[in-house]
Amino acid sequence: MLKITVLSLSMLLLSSCVLTKVVTVPMRVGGAIISVIPGVGDGIDAAIDETADVIDAIPI
C-alpha cells in the first residue's frame, strides 16, 4: 500500500502543471514586486508575465 501511495504522489508532483508552476510562480511574484518601480516597472512586469505564460504553455 505504501508503494502505491508513494507512486501516486510522485506522479502528481511530476506532472507538467506542478513543474511549470514551480518555475512561473516565483517569476510572477518577482514581476509584481518590480512593477512598483515608477516608469519602467510595468513594462518589465508585462515582459515577465508573457514569459511565464509561454513557460506555462510548454507541454512537458
N, C-alpha and C. Protein backbone atom coordinates (compact mmCIF):
# COMPACT_ATOMS: atom_id res chain seq x y z
N MET A 1 0.83 -1.19 0.00
CA MET A 1 0.00 0.00 0.00
C MET A 1 0.87 1.26 0.00
N LEU A 2 1.97 1.20 0.72
CA LEU A 2 2.87 2.35 0.79
C LEU A 2 3.49 2.65 -0.57
N LYS A 3 3.84 1.61 -1.31
CA LYS A 3 4.42 1.80 -2.65
C LYS A 3 3.43 2.48 -3.58
N ILE A 4 2.18 2.09 -3.50
CA ILE A 4 1.16 2.70 -4.35
C ILE A 4 0.98 4.17 -4.00
N THR A 5 0.97 4.47 -2.72
CA THR A 5 0.83 5.85 -2.27
C THR A 5 2.01 6.70 -2.72
N VAL A 6 3.21 6.20 -2.56
CA VAL A 6 4.41 6.93 -2.96
C VAL A 6 4.41 7.13 -4.47
N LEU A 7 4.04 6.11 -5.22
CA LEU A 7 3.98 6.22 -6.67
C LEU A 7 2.94 7.24 -7.11
N SER A 8 1.80 7.23 -6.48
CA SER A 8 0.74 8.19 -6.82
C SER A 8 1.17 9.62 -6.51
N LEU A 9 1.78 9.83 -5.36
CA LEU A 9 2.23 11.17 -5.01
C LEU A 9 3.35 11.66 -5.93
N SER A 10 4.26 10.77 -6.30
CA SER A 10 5.34 11.19 -7.20
C SER A 10 4.80 11.51 -8.59
N MET A 11 3.81 10.78 -9.05
CA MET A 11 3.20 11.09 -10.35
C MET A 11 2.50 12.44 -10.29
N LEU A 12 1.87 12.74 -9.19
CA LEU A 12 1.19 14.03 -9.03
C LEU A 12 2.20 15.17 -9.03
N LEU A 13 3.29 15.00 -8.31
CA LEU A 13 4.29 16.06 -8.22
C LEU A 13 5.07 16.24 -9.51
N LEU A 14 5.21 15.21 -10.30
CA LEU A 14 5.98 15.30 -11.53
C LEU A 14 5.12 15.65 -12.75
N SER A 15 3.86 15.94 -12.53
CA SER A 15 3.03 16.33 -13.66
C SER A 15 3.46 17.70 -14.16
N SER A 16 3.18 17.98 -15.40
CA SER A 16 3.67 19.22 -16.01
C SER A 16 3.10 20.46 -15.34
N CYS A 17 1.90 20.37 -14.85
CA CYS A 17 1.30 21.54 -14.22
C CYS A 17 2.10 21.97 -12.99
N VAL A 18 2.46 21.02 -12.17
CA VAL A 18 3.21 21.35 -10.96
C VAL A 18 4.61 21.84 -11.31
N LEU A 19 5.25 21.20 -12.28
CA LEU A 19 6.61 21.59 -12.64
C LEU A 19 6.65 23.01 -13.20
N THR A 20 5.71 23.34 -14.07
CA THR A 20 5.73 24.69 -14.64
C THR A 20 5.35 25.73 -13.60
N LYS A 21 4.48 25.39 -12.69
CA LYS A 21 4.10 26.34 -11.64
C LYS A 21 5.26 26.61 -10.69
N VAL A 22 6.09 25.61 -10.45
CA VAL A 22 7.27 25.81 -9.60
C VAL A 22 8.18 26.86 -10.21
N VAL A 23 8.23 26.91 -11.53
CA VAL A 23 9.09 27.88 -12.22
C VAL A 23 8.41 29.24 -12.34
N THR A 24 7.13 29.24 -12.71
CA THR A 24 6.48 30.51 -13.06
C THR A 24 5.97 31.32 -11.87
N VAL A 25 5.61 30.68 -10.78
CA VAL A 25 5.10 31.44 -9.64
C VAL A 25 6.14 32.41 -9.08
N PRO A 26 7.39 31.98 -8.87
CA PRO A 26 8.39 32.98 -8.42
C PRO A 26 8.62 34.08 -9.45
N MET A 27 8.53 33.74 -10.74
CA MET A 27 8.67 34.77 -11.77
C MET A 27 7.57 35.81 -11.65
N ARG A 28 6.34 35.35 -11.47
CA ARG A 28 5.21 36.28 -11.37
C ARG A 28 5.29 37.13 -10.11
N VAL A 29 5.73 36.54 -9.01
CA VAL A 29 5.89 37.31 -7.77
C VAL A 29 6.97 38.37 -7.95
N GLY A 30 8.08 37.99 -8.57
CA GLY A 30 9.14 38.96 -8.85
C GLY A 30 8.66 40.08 -9.76
N GLY A 31 7.86 39.74 -10.76
CA GLY A 31 7.30 40.75 -11.64
C GLY A 31 6.37 41.69 -10.91
N ALA A 32 5.59 41.16 -9.98
CA ALA A 32 4.68 42.01 -9.21
C ALA A 32 5.46 42.96 -8.31
N ILE A 33 6.56 42.49 -7.76
CA ILE A 33 7.39 43.36 -6.91
C ILE A 33 8.06 44.45 -7.75
N ILE A 34 8.56 44.06 -8.93
CA ILE A 34 9.23 45.02 -9.81
C ILE A 34 8.24 46.05 -10.36
N SER A 35 6.98 45.70 -10.48
CA SER A 35 6.00 46.60 -11.08
C SER A 35 5.77 47.87 -10.28
N VAL A 36 6.23 47.93 -9.04
CA VAL A 36 6.05 49.15 -8.24
C VAL A 36 7.08 50.22 -8.58
N ILE A 37 8.10 49.89 -9.37
CA ILE A 37 9.11 50.88 -9.77
C ILE A 37 8.45 51.84 -10.77
N PRO A 38 8.47 53.12 -10.49
CA PRO A 38 7.83 54.08 -11.39
C PRO A 38 8.49 54.10 -12.77
N GLY A 39 7.68 54.16 -13.79
CA GLY A 39 8.18 54.31 -15.15
C GLY A 39 8.45 53.00 -15.84
N VAL A 40 9.41 52.24 -15.39
CA VAL A 40 9.82 51.03 -16.10
C VAL A 40 9.22 49.75 -15.51
N GLY A 41 8.66 49.82 -14.34
CA GLY A 41 8.17 48.63 -13.66
C GLY A 41 7.07 47.90 -14.40
N ASP A 42 6.14 48.65 -14.99
CA ASP A 42 5.03 48.00 -15.69
C ASP A 42 5.50 47.25 -16.93
N GLY A 43 6.44 47.81 -17.65
CA GLY A 43 6.96 47.14 -18.84
C GLY A 43 7.70 45.86 -18.50
N ILE A 44 8.48 45.92 -17.45
CA ILE A 44 9.22 44.73 -17.01
C ILE A 44 8.25 43.66 -16.52
N ASP A 45 7.23 44.08 -15.77
CA ASP A 45 6.23 43.14 -15.27
C ASP A 45 5.50 42.47 -16.43
N ALA A 46 5.16 43.22 -17.46
CA ALA A 46 4.47 42.65 -18.62
C ALA A 46 5.36 41.63 -19.34
N ALA A 47 6.64 41.94 -19.47
CA ALA A 47 7.56 41.01 -20.14
C ALA A 47 7.71 39.72 -19.33
N ILE A 48 7.80 39.85 -18.03
CA ILE A 48 7.92 38.66 -17.18
C ILE A 48 6.64 37.82 -17.24
N ASP A 49 5.48 38.48 -17.23
CA ASP A 49 4.21 37.74 -17.33
C ASP A 49 4.08 37.01 -18.66
N GLU A 50 4.50 37.64 -19.75
CA GLU A 50 4.44 36.99 -21.06
C GLU A 50 5.36 35.77 -21.10
N THR A 51 6.54 35.91 -20.52
CA THR A 51 7.47 34.79 -20.46
C THR A 51 6.90 33.65 -19.62
N ALA A 52 6.30 33.99 -18.49
CA ALA A 52 5.70 32.97 -17.63
C ALA A 52 4.55 32.27 -18.34
N ASP A 53 3.76 33.00 -19.13
CA ASP A 53 2.67 32.38 -19.89
C ASP A 53 3.21 31.39 -20.90
N VAL A 54 4.32 31.74 -21.56
CA VAL A 54 4.93 30.81 -22.52
C VAL A 54 5.43 29.56 -21.83
N ILE A 55 6.04 29.72 -20.67
CA ILE A 55 6.52 28.56 -19.91
C ILE A 55 5.35 27.69 -19.47
N ASP A 56 4.24 28.30 -19.06
CA ASP A 56 3.06 27.52 -18.67
C ASP A 56 2.51 26.71 -19.84
N ALA A 57 2.67 27.21 -21.05
CA ALA A 57 2.11 26.54 -22.24
C ALA A 57 2.98 25.39 -22.73
N ILE A 58 4.19 25.24 -22.21
CA ILE A 58 5.10 24.17 -22.67
C ILE A 58 4.53 22.81 -22.24
N PRO A 59 4.31 21.94 -23.20
CA PRO A 59 3.80 20.60 -22.84
C PRO A 59 4.93 19.69 -22.39
N ILE A 60 5.04 19.48 -21.11
CA ILE A 60 6.10 18.61 -20.57
C ILE A 60 5.52 17.23 -20.35
